[in-house]
Amino acid sequence: NETSTNLPQEDEKDSASQITTTANKEQFLKEEEEEKALEEEERMKEKEAERIQEEKLFATHEPLPPSTTSSVINQYLSSTSRFVNAFVASADARLDSSSDKISALDIQIGLLESKLSSIPGLDDGGADLDEKV
C-alpha cells in the first residue's frame, strides 16, 4: 500500500525535475544568446575604433598619383604573370616526363605479357608446370 502512495509523489518529483531541467536549459540558452550579443557588440565597437584610427592616420597623407598607382599595379600583374607562366611550364614539363615514363612502363608490361604468354601451361593456371616439377 505504501508503494502505491509513493508512486504519485515520485511522478510529481520527476515532473518537477523535468520542469526545472527545462527551465535551466532555457535560462542557459538565453544567457548564452545574451553573451553572444555582447561579444558581437564589443567586436563592432573594436572595428569602429580601428576604422576611426585608420581614418586619422590616412587623413594626413595625400593619395598617390594615378600614374604611381598604375605603375605599381602593372608591376604586380607582370610579376604575377611571370610566376604563373613559370609554374605552368614546370608543371607541363613534369606531366610530359610522367607521361613518357608511363608509356615506357606500358611498353615493358606489353613485352612481359607476350613473354609470359609464350610459356606453355600458364594459360591453364600452371597445372602443367606443377606436374613437371
C-alpha atoms as a PDB file:
ATOM      1  CA  ASN A   1       0.000   0.000   0.000  1.00  0.00           C
ATOM      2  CA  GLU A   2       2.795   2.385   0.845  1.00  0.00           C
ATOM      3  CA  THR A   3       4.377   1.723  -2.527  1.00  0.00           C
ATOM      4  CA  SER A   4       1.259   2.765  -4.384  1.00  0.00           C
ATOM      5  CA  THR A   5       1.050   6.005  -2.429  1.00  0.00           C
ATOM      6  CA  ASN A   6       4.732   6.808  -3.130  1.00  0.00           C
ATOM      7  CA  LEU A   7       4.368   6.443  -6.909  1.00  0.00           C
ATOM      8  CA  PRO A   8       2.353   9.635  -7.433  1.00  0.00           C
ATOM      9  CA  GLN A   9       4.854  11.525  -5.298  1.00  0.00           C
ATOM     10  CA  GLU A  10       7.768  10.140  -7.371  1.00  0.00           C
ATOM     11  CA  ASP A  11       5.953  11.100 -10.591  1.00  0.00           C
ATOM     12  CA  GLU A  12       5.489  14.612  -9.217  1.00  0.00           C
ATOM     13  CA  LYS A  13       9.199  14.761  -8.342  1.00  0.00           C
ATOM     14  CA  ASP A  14      10.122  13.587 -11.853  1.00  0.00           C
ATOM     15  CA  SER A  15       7.799  16.180 -13.397  1.00  0.00           C
ATOM     16  CA  ALA A  16       9.228  18.909 -11.205  1.00  0.00           C
ATOM     17  CA  SER A  17      12.740  17.751 -12.066  1.00  0.00           C
ATOM     18  CA  GLN A  18      11.958  17.831 -15.799  1.00  0.00           C
ATOM     19  CA  ILE A  19      10.411  21.291 -15.495  1.00  0.00           C
ATOM     20  CA  THR A  20      13.466  22.514 -13.578  1.00  0.00           C
ATOM     21  CA  THR A  21      15.799  20.957 -16.151  1.00  0.00           C
ATOM     22  CA  THR A  22      13.847  22.554 -18.997  1.00  0.00           C
ATOM     23  CA  ALA A  23      13.870  25.906 -17.234  1.00  0.00           C
ATOM     24  CA  ASN A  24      17.615  25.572 -16.634  1.00  0.00           C
ATOM     25  CA  LYS A  25      18.198  24.792 -20.299  1.00  0.00           C
ATOM     26  CA  GLU A  26      16.100  27.758 -21.373  1.00  0.00           C
ATOM     27  CA  GLN A  27      17.933  30.031 -18.926  1.00  0.00           C
ATOM     28  CA  PHE A  28      21.302  28.717 -20.149  1.00  0.00           C
ATOM     29  CA  LEU A  29      20.348  29.277 -23.800  1.00  0.00           C
ATOM     30  CA  LYS A  30      19.100  32.773 -23.003  1.00  0.00           C
ATOM     31  CA  GLU A  31      22.320  33.641 -21.146  1.00  0.00           C
ATOM     32  CA  GLU A  32      24.401  32.199 -23.981  1.00  0.00           C
ATOM     33  CA  GLU A  33      22.454  34.272 -26.512  1.00  0.00           C
ATOM     34  CA  GLU A  34      22.943  37.422 -24.447  1.00  0.00           C
ATOM     35  CA  GLU A  35      26.665  36.675 -24.145  1.00  0.00           C
ATOM     36  CA  LYS A  36      26.966  36.279 -27.916  1.00  0.00           C
ATOM     37  CA  ALA A  37      25.139  39.563 -28.445  1.00  0.00           C
ATOM     38  CA  LEU A  38      27.514  41.337 -26.041  1.00  0.00           C
ATOM     39  CA  GLU A  39      30.538  39.815 -27.791  1.00  0.00           C
ATOM     40  CA  GLU A  40      29.199  40.944 -31.173  1.00  0.00           C
ATOM     41  CA  GLU A  41      28.606  44.449 -29.835  1.00  0.00           C
ATOM     42  CA  GLU A  42      32.141  44.564 -28.423  1.00  0.00           C
ATOM     43  CA  ARG A  43      33.571  43.365 -31.752  1.00  0.00           C
ATOM     44  CA  MET A  44      31.633  46.052 -33.610  1.00  0.00           C
ATOM     45  CA  LYS A  45      32.963  48.723 -31.217  1.00  0.00           C
ATOM     46  CA  GLU A  46      36.537  47.490 -31.788  1.00  0.00           C
ATOM     47  CA  LYS A  47      36.084  47.583 -35.570  1.00  0.00           C
ATOM     48  CA  GLU A  48      34.690  51.103 -35.391  1.00  0.00           C
ATOM     49  CA  ALA A  49      37.653  52.201 -33.238  1.00  0.00           C
ATOM     50  CA  GLU A  50      40.078  50.660 -35.768  1.00  0.00           C
ATOM     51  CA  ARG A  51      38.292  52.413 -38.638  1.00  0.00           C
ATOM     52  CA  ILE A  52      38.497  55.777 -36.861  1.00  0.00           C
ATOM     53  CA  GLN A  53      42.183  55.225 -36.107  1.00  0.00           C
ATOM     54  CA  GLU A  54      42.914  54.337 -39.749  1.00  0.00           C
ATOM     55  CA  GLU A  55      40.925  57.337 -40.903  1.00  0.00           C
ATOM     56  CA  LYS A  56      43.011  59.650 -38.680  1.00  0.00           C
ATOM     57  CA  LEU A  57      46.245  58.017 -39.838  1.00  0.00           C
ATOM     58  CA  PHE A  58      45.497  58.275 -43.544  1.00  0.00           C
ATOM     59  CA  ALA A  59      43.864  61.702 -43.345  1.00  0.00           C
ATOM     60  CA  THR A  60      47.322  63.268 -43.080  1.00  0.00           C
ATOM     61  CA  HIS A  61      48.568  61.595 -46.286  1.00  0.00           C
ATOM     62  CA  GLU A  62      47.786  62.691 -49.801  1.00  0.00           C
ATOM     63  CA  PRO A  63      46.589  59.986 -52.176  1.00  0.00           C
ATOM     64  CA  LEU A  64      49.166  58.566 -54.578  1.00  0.00           C
ATOM     65  CA  PRO A  65      49.163  59.960 -58.091  1.00  0.00           C
ATOM     66  CA  PRO A  66      47.298  57.792 -60.599  1.00  0.00           C
ATOM     67  CA  SER A  67      50.495  57.135 -62.566  1.00  0.00           C
ATOM     68  CA  THR A  68      52.182  55.680 -59.461  1.00  0.00           C
ATOM     69  CA  THR A  69      49.177  53.529 -58.668  1.00  0.00           C
ATOM     70  CA  SER A  70      49.039  52.340 -62.259  1.00  0.00           C
ATOM     71  CA  SER A  71      52.755  51.554 -62.242  1.00  0.00           C
ATOM     72  CA  VAL A  72      52.515  49.524 -59.025  1.00  0.00           C
ATOM     73  CA  ILE A  73      49.527  47.546 -60.324  1.00  0.00           C
ATOM     74  CA  ASN A  74      51.270  46.969 -63.654  1.00  0.00           C
ATOM     75  CA  GLN A  75      54.409  45.690 -61.891  1.00  0.00           C
ATOM     76  CA  TYR A  76      52.335  43.394 -59.686  1.00  0.00           C
ATOM     77  CA  LEU A  77      50.447  41.949 -62.640  1.00  0.00           C
ATOM     78  CA  SER A  78      53.646  41.500 -64.621  1.00  0.00           C
ATOM     79  CA  SER A  79      55.496  39.669 -61.828  1.00  0.00           C
ATOM     80  CA  THR A  80      52.444  37.537 -61.051  1.00  0.00           C
ATOM     81  CA  SER A  81      52.010  36.523 -64.689  1.00  0.00           C
ATOM     82  CA  ARG A  82      55.740  35.617 -64.917  1.00  0.00           C
ATOM     83  CA  PHE A  83      55.380  33.417 -61.848  1.00  0.00           C
ATOM     84  CA  VAL A  84      52.236  31.722 -63.151  1.00  0.00           C
ATOM     85  CA  ASN A  85      53.814  31.129 -66.570  1.00  0.00           C
ATOM     86  CA  ALA A  86      56.933  29.603 -64.966  1.00  0.00           C
ATOM     87  CA  PHE A  87      54.768  27.413 -62.761  1.00  0.00           C
ATOM     88  CA  VAL A  88      52.710  26.214 -65.737  1.00  0.00           C
ATOM     89  CA  ALA A  89      55.870  25.451 -67.723  1.00  0.00           C
ATOM     90  CA  SER A  90      57.293  23.462 -64.800  1.00  0.00           C
ATOM     91  CA  ALA A  91      54.051  21.535 -64.288  1.00  0.00           C
ATOM     92  CA  ASP A  92      53.802  20.838 -68.031  1.00  0.00           C
ATOM     93  CA  ALA A  93      57.385  19.509 -68.112  1.00  0.00           C
ATOM     94  CA  ARG A  94      56.677  17.244 -65.138  1.00  0.00           C
ATOM     95  CA  LEU A  95      53.488  15.965 -66.757  1.00  0.00           C
ATOM     96  CA  ASP A  96      55.337  15.240 -70.005  1.00  0.00           C
ATOM     97  CA  SER A  97      58.026  13.370 -68.065  1.00  0.00           C
ATOM     98  CA  SER A  98      55.410  11.349 -66.195  1.00  0.00           C
ATOM     99  CA  SER A  99      53.599  10.595 -69.437  1.00  0.00           C
ATOM    100  CA  ASP A 100      56.844   9.353 -71.026  1.00  0.00           C
ATOM    101  CA  LYS A 101      57.550   7.124 -68.018  1.00  0.00           C
ATOM    102  CA  ILE A 102      54.011   5.710 -68.135  1.00  0.00           C
ATOM    103  CA  SER A 103      54.361   4.999 -71.853  1.00  0.00           C
ATOM    104  CA  ALA A 104      57.680   3.192 -71.250  1.00  0.00           C
ATOM    105  CA  LEU A 105      56.070   1.127 -68.472  1.00  0.00           C
ATOM    106  CA  ASP A 106      53.152   0.289 -70.767  1.00  0.00           C
ATOM    107  CA  ILE A 107      55.566  -0.994 -73.425  1.00  0.00           C
ATOM    108  CA  GLN A 108      57.503  -3.034 -70.839  1.00  0.00           C
ATOM    109  CA  ILE A 109      54.286  -4.567 -69.497  1.00  0.00           C
ATOM    110  CA  GLY A 110      53.264  -5.489 -73.057  1.00  0.00           C
ATOM    111  CA  LEU A 111      56.650  -7.206 -73.634  1.00  0.00           C
ATOM    112  CA  LEU A 112      56.399  -9.045 -70.310  1.00  0.00           C
ATOM    113  CA  GLU A 113      52.867 -10.197 -71.129  1.00  0.00           C
ATOM    114  CA  SER A 114      53.966 -11.508 -74.543  1.00  0.00           C
ATOM    115  CA  LYS A 115      56.923 -13.360 -72.975  1.00  0.00           C
ATOM    116  CA  LEU A 116      54.674 -14.877 -70.330  1.00  0.00           C
ATOM    117  CA  SER A 117      52.077 -15.920 -72.915  1.00  0.00           C
ATOM    118  CA  SER A 118      54.777 -17.805 -74.845  1.00  0.00           C
ATOM    119  CA  ILE A 119      55.433 -20.109 -71.858  1.00  0.00           C
ATOM    120  CA  PRO A 120      53.320 -23.269 -72.273  1.00  0.00           C
ATOM    121  CA  GLY A 121      51.000 -24.136 -69.415  1.00  0.00           C
ATOM    122  CA  LEU A 122      50.484 -20.660 -67.977  1.00  0.00           C
ATOM    123  CA  ASP A 123      47.106 -20.269 -69.665  1.00  0.00           C
ATOM    124  CA  ASP A 124      45.509 -23.058 -67.614  1.00  0.00           C
ATOM    125  CA  GLY A 125      46.714 -21.792 -64.271  1.00  0.00           C
ATOM    126  CA  GLY A 126      50.131 -23.506 -64.337  1.00  0.00           C
ATOM    127  CA  ALA A 127      48.859 -27.045 -63.827  1.00  0.00           C
ATOM    128  CA  ASP A 128      51.431 -28.406 -66.331  1.00  0.00           C
ATOM    129  CA  LEU A 129      54.329 -26.728 -64.514  1.00  0.00           C
ATOM    130  CA  ASP A 130      53.334 -28.300 -61.188  1.00  0.00           C
ATOM    131  CA  GLU A 131      53.271 -31.769 -62.780  1.00  0.00           C
ATOM    132  CA  LYS A 132      56.746 -31.324 -64.339  1.00  0.00           C
ATOM    133  CA  VAL A 133      58.364 -30.251 -61.060  1.00  0.00           C
END
